[in-house]
Amino acid sequence: MTANSIGARVSGNGFGGRLYSIVMRQKAFVAIIVMLVVMLFAPTHFYTAYNLLDMLNSTSILLILSFGVTLTIVAGGCDLSIGGILVVSGILSIKLQDFLPMGAAIALAVLFGVVVGFVNGFLSVHQKTEPFIITLGMGLLLTGIAQQLTDAHPVPAKNPAFMMIGNGDFHGVPNLVIIMVVCFVLALWLMRYTQFGRNLYAIGGDYEVARYSGIPVIRTKWMAFVISGGCAALAGVLLSAKLNTGSSIYGDLTALVVNCGVVVGGTSFAGGIGGIPQSALGLLVFGMLDNVMNMLAIPSYYQVLLKGAVIVAIIWLDCFAQKRKREFV
């Protein structure tokens, strides 16, 4: 009996098979469980309401970004411009308040992200160019614009009400967490219970089959980029409100971290697989890992090493599971 046939029997029978299946399908969830178990034996204040809310608060902006990115990846694309949209929208939301009411300034900043998403969709979907390259170039372009807008210096906000958006709370629950939960519910509803969401999965599964089935593939995939741009702009406004400052350096690695987190959660770059809960789990892995390492006083250079090791391990397990599935079939 070969090793592969033995693996196939183990993965298909008994408790060991069910455990193997869970680990292979829910790698991000398993990583979170492992960290929770480790912290049970650590002399820290990890298991406190304050710390858990603070962890969610710190991860909320990345989670909001991931909801929009998930739509583009499920449809077989990606969006690496979110870091540039984040910084420019955050800067605009502060600068526009010099001559506009706060609400109007925020609305225009979010509208800017929607327009950038529209352009990304036009270039990558309508013109059939590679979304990885187009959105990466757009992100670099927007970062340059942010540096010109700020002369490479932080732009402080002057409105206390604006700062409270990112730092206030409602009965002890941070505003950012509340906004993130609302965005999560809306994104989940959009993906699971609307024709638009089902069409995204169909397009990501097989673009040509979806097109011949009568699905408006160009309009649907285009709209995914528009929503991603809007989510990135909203996240940029919230980040500037939280830090009370707009800066061109905030989004340096944001696009890579978010796209990587989405994939770690189980949303495949091949398209058609994954969803909002999976992406949320992937980003929560990163947020919880940062929190755990800080509480354990792990040096910063080891933190980078461990985070990279976790990413590599989860992606390797995903590739291994796909390989075993093909062999079994």
C-alpha atoms as a PDB file:
ATOM      1  CA  MET A   1       0.000   0.000   0.000  1.00  0.00           C
ATOM      2  CA  THR A   2       1.466   3.349  -1.033  1.00  0.00           C
ATOM      3  CA  ALA A   3       1.868   6.394   1.212  1.00  0.00           C
ATOM      4  CA  ASN A   4      -0.695   8.283  -0.839  1.00  0.00           C
ATOM      5  CA  SER A   5      -3.320   5.543  -0.490  1.00  0.00           C
ATOM      6  CA  ILE A   6      -2.704   5.398   3.256  1.00  0.00           C
ATOM      7  CA  GLY A   7      -3.128   9.204   3.458  1.00  0.00           C
ATOM      8  CA  ALA A   8      -6.319   8.959   1.453  1.00  0.00           C
ATOM      9  CA  ARG A   9      -7.740   6.363   3.858  1.00  0.00           C
ATOM     10  CA  VAL A  10      -6.731   8.391   6.933  1.00  0.00           C
ATOM     11  CA  SER A  11      -8.251  11.545   5.485  1.00  0.00           C
ATOM     12  CA  GLY A  12     -11.520   9.757   4.745  1.00  0.00           C
ATOM     13  CA  ASN A  13     -12.215   7.588   7.797  1.00  0.00           C
ATOM     14  CA  GLY A  14     -12.793   7.995  11.537  1.00  0.00           C
ATOM     15  CA  PHE A  15     -11.980  10.766  13.954  1.00  0.00           C
ATOM     16  CA  GLY A  16      -8.486  11.194  12.490  1.00  0.00           C
ATOM     17  CA  GLY A  17      -9.982  11.715   9.069  1.00  0.00           C
ATOM     18  CA  ARG A  18     -12.457  14.307  10.318  1.00  0.00           C
ATOM     19  CA  LEU A  19      -9.714  16.111  12.245  1.00  0.00           C
ATOM     20  CA  TYR A  20      -7.476  16.083   9.173  1.00  0.00           C
ATOM     21  CA  SER A  21     -10.327  17.473   7.051  1.00  0.00           C
ATOM     22  CA  ILE A  22     -11.030  20.286   9.533  1.00  0.00           C
ATOM     23  CA  VAL A  23      -7.360  21.268   9.730  1.00  0.00           C
ATOM     24  CA  MET A  24      -7.018  21.312   5.946  1.00  0.00           C
ATOM     25  CA  ARG A  25     -10.202  23.331   5.368  1.00  0.00           C
ATOM     26  CA  GLN A  26     -10.012  25.718   8.344  1.00  0.00           C
ATOM     27  CA  LYS A  27      -6.293  26.453   8.682  1.00  0.00           C
ATOM     28  CA  ALA A  28      -6.761  30.051   9.854  1.00  0.00           C
ATOM     29  CA  PHE A  29      -9.340  28.962  12.449  1.00  0.00           C
ATOM     30  CA  VAL A  30      -6.980  26.254  13.717  1.00  0.00           C
ATOM     31  CA  ALA A  31      -4.169  28.834  13.990  1.00  0.00           C
ATOM     32  CA  ILE A  32      -6.440  31.047  16.119  1.00  0.00           C
ATOM     33  CA  ILE A  33      -7.352  28.095  18.368  1.00  0.00           C
ATOM     34  CA  VAL A  34      -3.662  27.248  18.838  1.00  0.00           C
ATOM     35  CA  MET A  35      -2.896  30.816  19.905  1.00  0.00           C
ATOM     36  CA  LEU A  36      -5.850  30.842  22.301  1.00  0.00           C
ATOM     37  CA  VAL A  37      -4.625  27.610  23.894  1.00  0.00           C
ATOM     38  CA  VAL A  38      -1.056  28.910  24.201  1.00  0.00           C
ATOM     39  CA  MET A  39      -2.257  32.059  25.944  1.00  0.00           C
ATOM     40  CA  LEU A  40      -4.131  29.962  28.519  1.00  0.00           C
ATOM     41  CA  PHE A  41      -0.750  29.083  30.019  1.00  0.00           C
ATOM     42  CA  ALA A  42       0.860  32.526  29.662  1.00  0.00           C
ATOM     43  CA  PRO A  43       0.914  34.899  32.675  1.00  0.00           C
ATOM     44  CA  THR A  44      -0.662  37.790  30.765  1.00  0.00           C
ATOM     45  CA  HIS A  45      -3.919  39.766  30.654  1.00  0.00           C
ATOM     46  CA  PHE A  46      -4.829  38.313  27.261  1.00  0.00           C
ATOM     47  CA  TYR A  47      -8.219  37.001  28.388  1.00  0.00           C
ATOM     48  CA  THR A  48      -9.716  40.313  29.395  1.00  0.00           C
ATOM     49  CA  ALA A  49     -12.542  42.206  27.718  1.00  0.00           C
ATOM     50  CA  TYR A  50     -10.291  45.242  27.368  1.00  0.00           C
ATOM     51  CA  ASN A  51      -7.573  43.316  25.516  1.00  0.00           C
ATOM     52  CA  LEU A  52      -9.946  41.418  23.242  1.00  0.00           C
ATOM     53  CA  LEU A  53     -11.775  44.630  22.292  1.00  0.00           C
ATOM     54  CA  ASP A  54      -8.452  46.389  21.758  1.00  0.00           C
ATOM     55  CA  MET A  55      -7.334  43.559  19.461  1.00  0.00           C
ATOM     56  CA  LEU A  56     -10.528  43.860  17.427  1.00  0.00           C
ATOM     57  CA  ASN A  57     -10.174  47.634  17.382  1.00  0.00           C
ATOM     58  CA  SER A  58      -6.603  47.383  16.084  1.00  0.00           C
ATOM     59  CA  THR A  59      -7.623  44.949  13.343  1.00  0.00           C
ATOM     60  CA  SER A  60     -10.882  46.656  12.323  1.00  0.00           C
ATOM     61  CA  ILE A  61      -9.393  48.822   9.578  1.00  0.00           C
ATOM     62  CA  LEU A  62      -7.613  45.873   7.950  1.00  0.00           C
ATOM     63  CA  LEU A  63     -10.829  43.858   8.160  1.00  0.00           C
ATOM     64  CA  ILE A  64     -12.804  46.582   6.379  1.00  0.00           C
ATOM     65  CA  LEU A  65     -10.149  46.611   3.660  1.00  0.00           C
ATOM     66  CA  SER A  66     -10.344  42.834   3.351  1.00  0.00           C
ATOM     67  CA  PHE A  67     -14.103  42.831   2.730  1.00  0.00           C
ATOM     68  CA  GLY A  68     -13.694  44.815  -0.482  1.00  0.00           C
ATOM     69  CA  VAL A  69     -10.592  42.907  -1.591  1.00  0.00           C
ATOM     70  CA  THR A  70     -12.437  39.606  -1.088  1.00  0.00           C
ATOM     71  CA  LEU A  71     -14.967  40.542  -3.766  1.00  0.00           C
ATOM     72  CA  THR A  72     -12.234  41.136  -6.343  1.00  0.00           C
ATOM     73  CA  ILE A  73     -10.362  37.928  -5.469  1.00  0.00           C
ATOM     74  CA  VAL A  74     -13.494  35.751  -5.519  1.00  0.00           C
ATOM     75  CA  ALA A  75     -14.158  37.129  -9.016  1.00  0.00           C
ATOM     76  CA  GLY A  76     -10.667  36.076 -10.121  1.00  0.00           C
ATOM     77  CA  GLY A  77      -8.884  39.420  -9.706  1.00  0.00           C
ATOM     78  CA  CYS A  78      -7.024  41.270  -6.963  1.00  0.00           C
ATOM     79  CA  ASP A  79      -6.622  44.839  -5.738  1.00  0.00           C
ATOM     80  CA  LEU A  80      -3.180  46.123  -4.761  1.00  0.00           C
ATOM     81  CA  SER A  81      -4.197  49.773  -4.984  1.00  0.00           C
ATOM     82  CA  ILE A  82      -5.924  49.784  -1.592  1.00  0.00           C
ATOM     83  CA  GLY A  83      -2.847  51.130   0.213  1.00  0.00           C
ATOM     84  CA  GLY A  84      -2.718  54.158  -2.074  1.00  0.00           C
ATOM     85  CA  ILE A  85      -6.478  54.738  -1.803  1.00  0.00           C
ATOM     86  CA  LEU A  86      -6.191  54.451   1.980  1.00  0.00           C
ATOM     87  CA  VAL A  87      -3.596  57.212   2.350  1.00  0.00           C
ATOM     88  CA  VAL A  88      -5.041  59.648  -0.219  1.00  0.00           C
ATOM     89  CA  SER A  89      -8.591  59.311   1.133  1.00  0.00           C
ATOM     90  CA  GLY A  90      -7.366  59.830   4.679  1.00  0.00           C
ATOM     91  CA  ILE A  91      -5.458  62.958   3.681  1.00  0.00           C
ATOM     92  CA  LEU A  92      -8.404  64.316   1.674  1.00  0.00           C
ATOM     93  CA  SER A  93     -10.814  63.767   4.570  1.00  0.00           C
ATOM     94  CA  ILE A  94      -8.631  66.083   6.690  1.00  0.00           C
ATOM     95  CA  LYS A  95      -7.678  68.684   4.096  1.00  0.00           C
ATOM     96  CA  LEU A  96     -11.222  69.104   2.758  1.00  0.00           C
ATOM     97  CA  GLN A  97     -12.443  70.017   6.248  1.00  0.00           C
ATOM     98  CA  ASP A  98     -10.594  73.330   5.905  1.00  0.00           C
ATOM     99  CA  PHE A  99     -13.421  74.597   3.693  1.00  0.00           C
ATOM    100  CA  LEU A 100     -16.187  71.965   3.888  1.00  0.00           C
ATOM    101  CA  PRO A 101     -18.305  70.470   6.693  1.00  0.00           C
ATOM    102  CA  MET A 102     -16.902  67.253   8.145  1.00  0.00           C
ATOM    103  CA  GLY A 103     -19.655  65.070   6.659  1.00  0.00           C
ATOM    104  CA  ALA A 104     -19.139  66.455   3.161  1.00  0.00           C
ATOM    105  CA  ALA A 105     -15.356  66.036   3.437  1.00  0.00           C
ATOM    106  CA  ILE A 106     -15.731  62.384   4.455  1.00  0.00           C
ATOM    107  CA  ALA A 107     -18.260  61.722   1.687  1.00  0.00           C
ATOM    108  CA  LEU A 108     -15.947  63.198  -0.961  1.00  0.00           C
ATOM    109  CA  ALA A 109     -12.986  61.204   0.379  1.00  0.00           C
ATOM    110  CA  VAL A 110     -14.991  57.965   0.106  1.00  0.00           C
ATOM    111  CA  LEU A 111     -16.217  59.015  -3.346  1.00  0.00           C
ATOM    112  CA  PHE A 112     -12.577  59.392  -4.381  1.00  0.00           C
ATOM    113  CA  GLY A 113     -11.993  55.726  -3.533  1.00  0.00           C
ATOM    114  CA  VAL A 114     -15.070  54.715  -5.506  1.00  0.00           C
ATOM    115  CA  VAL A 115     -13.772  56.633  -8.556  1.00  0.00           C
ATOM    116  CA  VAL A 116     -10.359  54.957  -8.300  1.00  0.00           C
ATOM    117  CA  GLY A 117     -12.112  51.589  -8.058  1.00  0.00           C
ATOM    118  CA  PHE A 118     -14.100  52.510 -11.175  1.00  0.00           C
ATOM    119  CA  VAL A 119     -10.860  53.264 -13.038  1.00  0.00           C
ATOM    120  CA  ASN A 120      -9.282  50.025 -11.810  1.00  0.00           C
ATOM    121  CA  GLY A 121     -12.315  48.122 -13.053  1.00  0.00           C
ATOM    122  CA  PHE A 122     -12.248  49.863 -16.420  1.00  0.00           C
ATOM    123  CA  LEU A 123      -8.583  49.069 -16.989  1.00  0.00           C
ATOM    124  CA  SER A 124      -8.511  45.518 -15.638  1.00  0.00           C
ATOM    125  CA  VAL A 125     -11.981  44.269 -16.615  1.00  0.00           C
ATOM    126  CA  HIS A 126     -13.191  46.321 -19.570  1.00  0.00           C
ATOM    127  CA  GLN A 127      -9.738  46.652 -21.180  1.00  0.00           C
ATOM    128  CA  LYS A 128      -8.755  43.088 -20.101  1.00  0.00           C
ATOM    129  CA  THR A 129      -5.388  44.032 -18.596  1.00  0.00           C
ATOM    130  CA  GLU A 130      -3.738  42.167 -15.723  1.00  0.00           C
ATOM    131  CA  PRO A 131      -5.310  43.392 -12.451  1.00  0.00           C
ATOM    132  CA  PHE A 132      -2.188  42.579 -10.439  1.00  0.00           C
ATOM    133  CA  ILE A 133      -0.065  44.975 -12.502  1.00  0.00           C
ATOM    134  CA  ILE A 134      -2.743  47.646 -12.994  1.00  0.00           C
ATOM    135  CA  THR A 135      -3.714  47.910  -9.340  1.00  0.00           C
ATOM    136  CA  LEU A 136      -0.088  47.761  -8.199  1.00  0.00           C
ATOM    137  CA  GLY A 137       0.734  50.662 -10.521  1.00  0.00           C
ATOM    138  CA  MET A 138      -2.346  52.560  -9.357  1.00  0.00           C
ATOM    139  CA  GLY A 139      -1.262  52.098  -5.745  1.00  0.00           C
ATOM    140  CA  LEU A 140       2.198  53.498  -6.493  1.00  0.00           C
ATOM    141  CA  LEU A 141       0.655  56.405  -8.392  1.00  0.00           C
ATOM    142  CA  LEU A 142      -1.634  57.261  -5.485  1.00  0.00           C
ATOM    143  CA  THR A 143       1.223  57.029  -2.992  1.00  0.00           C
ATOM    144  CA  GLY A 144       3.102  59.588  -5.077  1.00  0.00           C
ATOM    145  CA  ILE A 145       0.027  61.821  -5.121  1.00  0.00           C
ATOM    146  CA  ALA A 146      -0.225  61.523  -1.330  1.00  0.00           C
ATOM    147  CA  GLN A 147       3.398  62.622  -0.974  1.00  0.00           C
ATOM    148  CA  GLN A 148       2.725  65.637  -3.182  1.00  0.00           C
ATOM    149  CA  LEU A 149      -0.399  66.567  -1.214  1.00  0.00           C
ATOM    150  CA  THR A 150       1.444  66.467   2.100  1.00  0.00           C
ATOM    151  CA  ASP A 151       4.969  67.393   0.982  1.00  0.00           C
ATOM    152  CA  ALA A 152       5.899  64.093   2.692  1.00  0.00           C
ATOM    153  CA  HIS A 153       4.859  65.495   6.098  1.00  0.00           C
ATOM    154  CA  PRO A 154       1.983  64.383   8.360  1.00  0.00           C
ATOM    155  CA  VAL A 155      -1.201  66.456   8.103  1.00  0.00           C
ATOM    156  CA  PRO A 156      -2.829  66.955  11.532  1.00  0.00           C
ATOM    157  CA  ALA A 157      -6.605  67.062  11.920  1.00  0.00           C
ATOM    158  CA  LYS A 158      -8.086  70.075  13.688  1.00  0.00           C
ATOM    159  CA  ASN A 159     -11.633  68.849  14.313  1.00  0.00           C
ATOM    160  CA  PRO A 160     -12.147  67.014  17.660  1.00  0.00           C
ATOM    161  CA  ALA A 161     -15.380  65.480  16.348  1.00  0.00           C
ATOM    162  CA  PHE A 162     -13.429  63.847  13.526  1.00  0.00           C
ATOM    163  CA  MET A 163     -10.995  62.307  15.989  1.00  0.00           C
ATOM    164  CA  MET A 164     -13.880  60.862  18.019  1.00  0.00           C
ATOM    165  CA  ILE A 165     -15.025  58.832  15.002  1.00  0.00           C
ATOM    166  CA  GLY A 166     -11.916  56.685  15.282  1.00  0.00           C
ATOM    167  CA  ASN A 167     -11.358  56.891  19.033  1.00  0.00           C
ATOM    168  CA  GLY A 168     -14.809  57.095  20.591  1.00  0.00           C
ATOM    169  CA  ASP A 169     -16.973  54.231  21.813  1.00  0.00           C
ATOM    170  CA  PHE A 170     -20.598  53.285  22.355  1.00  0.00           C
ATOM    171  CA  HIS A 171     -21.214  51.805  25.806  1.00  0.00           C
ATOM    172  CA  GLY A 172     -17.623  50.605  25.949  1.00  0.00           C
ATOM    173  CA  VAL A 173     -17.490  49.167  22.417  1.00  0.00           C
ATOM    174  CA  PRO A 174     -15.092  51.116  20.160  1.00  0.00           C
ATOM    175  CA  ASN A 175     -16.674  52.904  17.199  1.00  0.00           C
ATOM    176  CA  LEU A 176     -14.254  51.187  14.818  1.00  0.00           C
ATOM    177  CA  VAL A 177     -15.425  47.764  15.958  1.00  0.00           C
ATOM    178  CA  ILE A 178     -19.077  48.760  15.471  1.00  0.00           C
ATOM    179  CA  ILE A 179     -18.388  50.107  11.961  1.00  0.00           C
ATOM    180  CA  MET A 180     -16.401  46.978  11.106  1.00  0.00           C
ATOM    181  CA  VAL A 181     -19.235  44.685  12.251  1.00  0.00           C
ATOM    182  CA  VAL A 182     -21.753  46.647  10.162  1.00  0.00           C
ATOM    183  CA  CYS A 183     -19.473  46.361   7.112  1.00  0.00           C
ATOM    184  CA  PHE A 184     -19.021  42.629   7.791  1.00  0.00           C
ATOM    185  CA  VAL A 185     -22.782  42.033   7.906  1.00  0.00           C
ATOM    186  CA  LEU A 186     -23.372  44.040   4.720  1.00  0.00           C
ATOM    187  CA  ALA A 187     -20.547  42.281   2.850  1.00  0.00           C
ATOM    188  CA  LEU A 188     -21.725  38.852   4.032  1.00  0.00           C
ATOM    189  CA  TRP A 189     -25.275  39.610   2.916  1.00  0.00           C
ATOM    190  CA  LEU A 190     -24.007  40.848  -0.445  1.00  0.00           C
ATOM    191  CA  MET A 191     -21.933  37.723  -1.095  1.00  0.00           C
ATOM    192  CA  ARG A 192     -24.329  35.070   0.216  1.00  0.00           C
ATOM    193  CA  TYR A 193     -27.846  36.347  -0.382  1.00  0.00           C
ATOM    194  CA  THR A 194     -27.774  38.436  -3.564  1.00  0.00           C
ATOM    195  CA  GLN A 195     -27.530  37.617  -7.242  1.00  0.00           C
ATOM    196  CA  PHE A 196     -24.475  39.863  -7.436  1.00  0.00           C
ATOM    197  CA  GLY A 197     -22.595  37.692  -4.938  1.00  0.00           C
ATOM    198  CA  ARG A 198     -23.535  34.456  -6.685  1.00  0.00           C
ATOM    199  CA  ASN A 199     -22.418  35.952  -9.978  1.00  0.00           C
ATOM    200  CA  LEU A 200     -19.016  36.796  -8.487  1.00  0.00           C
ATOM    201  CA  TYR A 201     -18.495  33.150  -7.528  1.00  0.00           C
ATOM    202  CA  ALA A 202     -19.576  32.017 -10.980  1.00  0.00           C
ATOM    203  CA  ILE A 203     -17.179  34.446 -12.682  1.00  0.00           C
ATOM    204  CA  GLY A 204     -14.299  33.362 -10.475  1.00  0.00           C
ATOM    205  CA  GLY A 205     -15.106  29.692 -11.049  1.00  0.00           C
ATOM    206  CA  ASP A 206     -15.092  29.933 -14.829  1.00  0.00           C
ATOM    207  CA  TYR A 207     -15.244  33.294 -16.594  1.00  0.00           C
ATOM    208  CA  GLU A 208     -16.231  31.961 -20.007  1.00  0.00           C
ATOM    209  CA  VAL A 209     -18.939  29.650 -18.684  1.00  0.00           C
ATOM    210  CA  ALA A 210     -20.363  32.551 -16.668  1.00  0.00           C
ATOM    211  CA  ARG A 211     -20.346  34.765 -19.760  1.00  0.00           C
ATOM    212  CA  TYR A 212     -22.113  32.193 -21.925  1.00  0.00           C
ATOM    213  CA  SER A 213     -24.633  31.636 -19.112  1.00  0.00           C
ATOM    214  CA  GLY A 214     -25.861  35.202 -19.523  1.00  0.00           C
ATOM    215  CA  ILE A 215     -24.173  36.684 -16.462  1.00  0.00           C
ATOM    216  CA  PRO A 216     -23.098  40.328 -17.039  1.00  0.00           C
ATOM    217  CA  VAL A 217     -19.470  39.433 -16.303  1.00  0.00           C
ATOM    218  CA  ILE A 218     -17.914  42.805 -17.145  1.00  0.00           C
ATOM    219  CA  ARG A 219     -20.387  44.868 -15.124  1.00  0.00           C
ATOM    220  CA  THR A 220     -20.300  42.478 -12.143  1.00  0.00           C
ATOM    221  CA  LYS A 221     -16.520  42.210 -11.908  1.00  0.00           C
ATOM    222  CA  TRP A 222     -16.195  45.956 -12.516  1.00  0.00           C
ATOM    223  CA  MET A 223     -18.528  46.628  -9.596  1.00  0.00           C
ATOM    224  CA  ALA A 224     -16.323  44.458  -7.351  1.00  0.00           C
ATOM    225  CA  PHE A 225     -13.427  46.872  -7.940  1.00  0.00           C
ATOM    226  CA  VAL A 226     -15.699  49.847  -7.260  1.00  0.00           C
ATOM    227  CA  ILE A 227     -16.772  48.378  -3.911  1.00  0.00           C
ATOM    228  CA  SER A 228     -13.165  47.543  -3.039  1.00  0.00           C
ATOM    229  CA  GLY A 229     -12.162  51.147  -3.712  1.00  0.00           C
ATOM    230  CA  GLY A 230     -14.992  52.413  -1.532  1.00  0.00           C
ATOM    231  CA  CYS A 231     -14.013  50.101   1.340  1.00  0.00           C
ATOM    232  CA  ALA A 232     -10.384  51.236   1.078  1.00  0.00           C
ATOM    233  CA  ALA A 233     -11.423  54.891   1.160  1.00  0.00           C
ATOM    234  CA  LEU A 234     -13.653  54.326   4.187  1.00  0.00           C
ATOM    235  CA  ALA A 235     -10.759  52.565   5.926  1.00  0.00           C
ATOM    236  CA  GLY A 236      -8.478  55.506   5.095  1.00  0.00           C
ATOM    237  CA  VAL A 237     -10.909  57.994   6.637  1.00  0.00           C
ATOM    238  CA  LEU A 238     -11.209  55.853   9.783  1.00  0.00           C
ATOM    239  CA  LEU A 239      -7.427  55.454  10.076  1.00  0.00           C
ATOM    240  CA  SER A 240      -6.874  59.209   9.826  1.00  0.00           C
ATOM    241  CA  ALA A 241      -9.614  59.761  12.420  1.00  0.00           C
ATOM    242  CA  LYS A 242      -8.034  57.192  14.723  1.00  0.00           C
ATOM    243  CA  LEU A 243      -4.537  58.698  14.442  1.00  0.00           C
ATOM    244  CA  ASN A 244      -5.833  62.265  14.045  1.00  0.00           C
ATOM    245  CA  THR A 245      -3.328  62.595  11.219  1.00  0.00           C
ATOM    246  CA  GLY A 246      -3.057  61.963   7.493  1.00  0.00           C
ATOM    247  CA  SER A 247       0.232  60.672   6.134  1.00  0.00           C
ATOM    248  CA  SER A 248       1.609  59.178   2.933  1.00  0.00           C
ATOM    249  CA  ILE A 249       3.445  56.369   4.773  1.00  0.00           C
ATOM    250  CA  TYR A 250       0.452  54.597   6.316  1.00  0.00           C
ATOM    251  CA  GLY A 251      -0.265  52.326   3.352  1.00  0.00           C
ATOM    252  CA  ASP A 252       3.223  51.065   2.518  1.00  0.00           C
ATOM    253  CA  LEU A 253       2.570  47.342   3.144  1.00  0.00           C
ATOM    254  CA  THR A 254      -1.182  47.467   3.620  1.00  0.00           C
ATOM    255  CA  ALA A 255      -2.109  45.985   0.228  1.00  0.00           C
ATOM    256  CA  LEU A 256       0.251  43.033   0.610  1.00  0.00           C
ATOM    257  CA  VAL A 257      -0.830  42.308   4.197  1.00  0.00           C
ATOM    258  CA  VAL A 258      -4.549  42.440   3.368  1.00  0.00           C
ATOM    259  CA  ASN A 259      -4.338  40.365   0.183  1.00  0.00           C
ATOM    260  CA  CYS A 260      -2.139  37.842   1.967  1.00  0.00           C
ATOM    261  CA  GLY A 261      -4.530  37.713   4.925  1.00  0.00           C
ATOM    262  CA  VAL A 262      -7.481  37.095   2.612  1.00  0.00           C
ATOM    263  CA  VAL A 263      -5.672  34.162   0.995  1.00  0.00           C
ATOM    264  CA  VAL A 264      -4.516  32.806   4.364  1.00  0.00           C
ATOM    265  CA  GLY A 265      -8.163  32.737   5.429  1.00  0.00           C
ATOM    266  CA  GLY A 266      -9.039  30.447   2.520  1.00  0.00           C
ATOM    267  CA  THR A 267     -10.122  32.763  -0.306  1.00  0.00           C
ATOM    268  CA  SER A 268      -8.212  31.460  -3.315  1.00  0.00           C
ATOM    269  CA  PHE A 269      -6.442  33.703  -5.825  1.00  0.00           C
ATOM    270  CA  ALA A 270      -7.742  31.281  -8.469  1.00  0.00           C
ATOM    271  CA  GLY A 271     -11.209  32.732  -7.858  1.00  0.00           C
ATOM    272  CA  GLY A 272     -14.573  31.236  -7.016  1.00  0.00           C
ATOM    273  CA  ILE A 273     -13.542  29.955  -3.554  1.00  0.00           C
ATOM    274  CA  GLY A 274     -13.767  31.621  -0.159  1.00  0.00           C
ATOM    275  CA  GLY A 275     -15.816  34.458   1.234  1.00  0.00           C
ATOM    276  CA  ILE A 276     -16.154  37.170   3.846  1.00  0.00           C
ATOM    277  CA  PRO A 277     -15.935  34.967   6.991  1.00  0.00           C
ATOM    278  CA  GLN A 278     -12.805  33.256   5.681  1.00  0.00           C
ATOM    279  CA  SER A 279     -11.130  36.579   4.928  1.00  0.00           C
ATOM    280  CA  ALA A 280     -12.068  37.897   8.371  1.00  0.00           C
ATOM    281  CA  LEU A 281     -10.444  34.838   9.970  1.00  0.00           C
ATOM    282  CA  GLY A 282      -7.294  35.354   7.904  1.00  0.00           C
ATOM    283  CA  LEU A 283      -6.903  38.960   9.048  1.00  0.00           C
ATOM    284  CA  LEU A 284      -7.755  38.003  12.626  1.00  0.00           C
ATOM    285  CA  VAL A 285      -4.849  35.546  12.544  1.00  0.00           C
ATOM    286  CA  PHE A 286      -2.498  38.466  11.878  1.00  0.00           C
ATOM    287  CA  GLY A 287      -4.171  40.711  14.460  1.00  0.00           C
ATOM    288  CA  MET A 288      -4.136  38.047  17.161  1.00  0.00           C
ATOM    289  CA  LEU A 289      -0.565  37.045  16.312  1.00  0.00           C
ATOM    290  CA  ASP A 290       0.612  40.640  16.796  1.00  0.00           C
ATOM    291  CA  ASN A 291      -1.274  40.852  20.088  1.00  0.00           C
ATOM    292  CA  VAL A 292       0.095  37.540  21.369  1.00  0.00           C
ATOM    293  CA  MET A 293       3.682  38.346  20.437  1.00  0.00           C
ATOM    294  CA  ASN A 294       3.495  41.779  22.070  1.00  0.00           C
ATOM    295  CA  MET A 295       2.055  40.290  25.264  1.00  0.00           C
ATOM    296  CA  LEU A 296       4.783  37.656  25.351  1.00  0.00           C
ATOM    297  CA  ALA A 297       7.384  40.434  24.869  1.00  0.00           C
ATOM    298  CA  ILE A 298       8.847  38.811  21.765  1.00  0.00           C
ATOM    299  CA  PRO A 299      11.478  41.102  20.143  1.00  0.00           C
ATOM    300  CA  SER A 300      10.293  42.897  17.003  1.00  0.00           C
ATOM    301  CA  TYR A 301      12.745  41.173  14.668  1.00  0.00           C
ATOM    302  CA  TYR A 302      11.532  37.765  15.856  1.00  0.00           C
ATOM    303  CA  GLN A 303       7.964  38.931  15.351  1.00  0.00           C
ATOM    304  CA  VAL A 304       8.610  39.491  11.658  1.00  0.00           C
ATOM    305  CA  LEU A 305      10.214  36.054  11.394  1.00  0.00           C
ATOM    306  CA  LEU A 306       7.314  34.304  13.147  1.00  0.00           C
ATOM    307  CA  LYS A 307       4.691  36.127  11.094  1.00  0.00           C
ATOM    308  CA  GLY A 308       6.434  35.091   7.882  1.00  0.00           C
ATOM    309  CA  ALA A 309       6.676  31.500   9.137  1.00  0.00           C
ATOM    310  CA  VAL A 310       2.937  31.401   9.874  1.00  0.00           C
ATOM    311  CA  ILE A 311       2.102  32.731   6.401  1.00  0.00           C
ATOM    312  CA  VAL A 312       4.383  30.208   4.693  1.00  0.00           C
ATOM    313  CA  ALA A 313       3.044  27.321   6.812  1.00  0.00           C
ATOM    314  CA  ILE A 314      -0.621  28.102   6.125  1.00  0.00           C
ATOM    315  CA  ILE A 315      -0.094  28.619   2.391  1.00  0.00           C
ATOM    316  CA  TRP A 316       1.970  25.410   2.201  1.00  0.00           C
ATOM    317  CA  LEU A 317      -0.819  23.493   3.951  1.00  0.00           C
ATOM    318  CA  ASP A 318      -3.287  24.916   1.434  1.00  0.00           C
ATOM    319  CA  CYS A 319      -1.151  23.794  -1.503  1.00  0.00           C
ATOM    320  CA  PHE A 320      -0.607  20.396   0.146  1.00  0.00           C
ATOM    321  CA  ALA A 321      -4.359  19.945   0.654  1.00  0.00           C
ATOM    322  CA  GLN A 322      -5.068  20.837  -2.985  1.00  0.00           C
ATOM    323  CA  LYS A 323      -2.411  18.376  -4.145  1.00  0.00           C
ATOM    324  CA  ARG A 324      -3.828  15.568  -1.997  1.00  0.00           C
ATOM    325  CA  LYS A 325      -7.322  16.328  -3.260  1.00  0.00           C
ATOM    326  CA  ARG A 326      -6.168  16.032  -6.886  1.00  0.00           C
ATOM    327  CA  GLU A 327      -4.343  12.778  -6.128  1.00  0.00           C
ATOM    328  CA  PHE A 328      -7.405  11.333  -4.384  1.00  0.00           C
ATOM    329  CA  VAL A 329      -9.653  12.230  -7.319  1.00  0.00           C
END
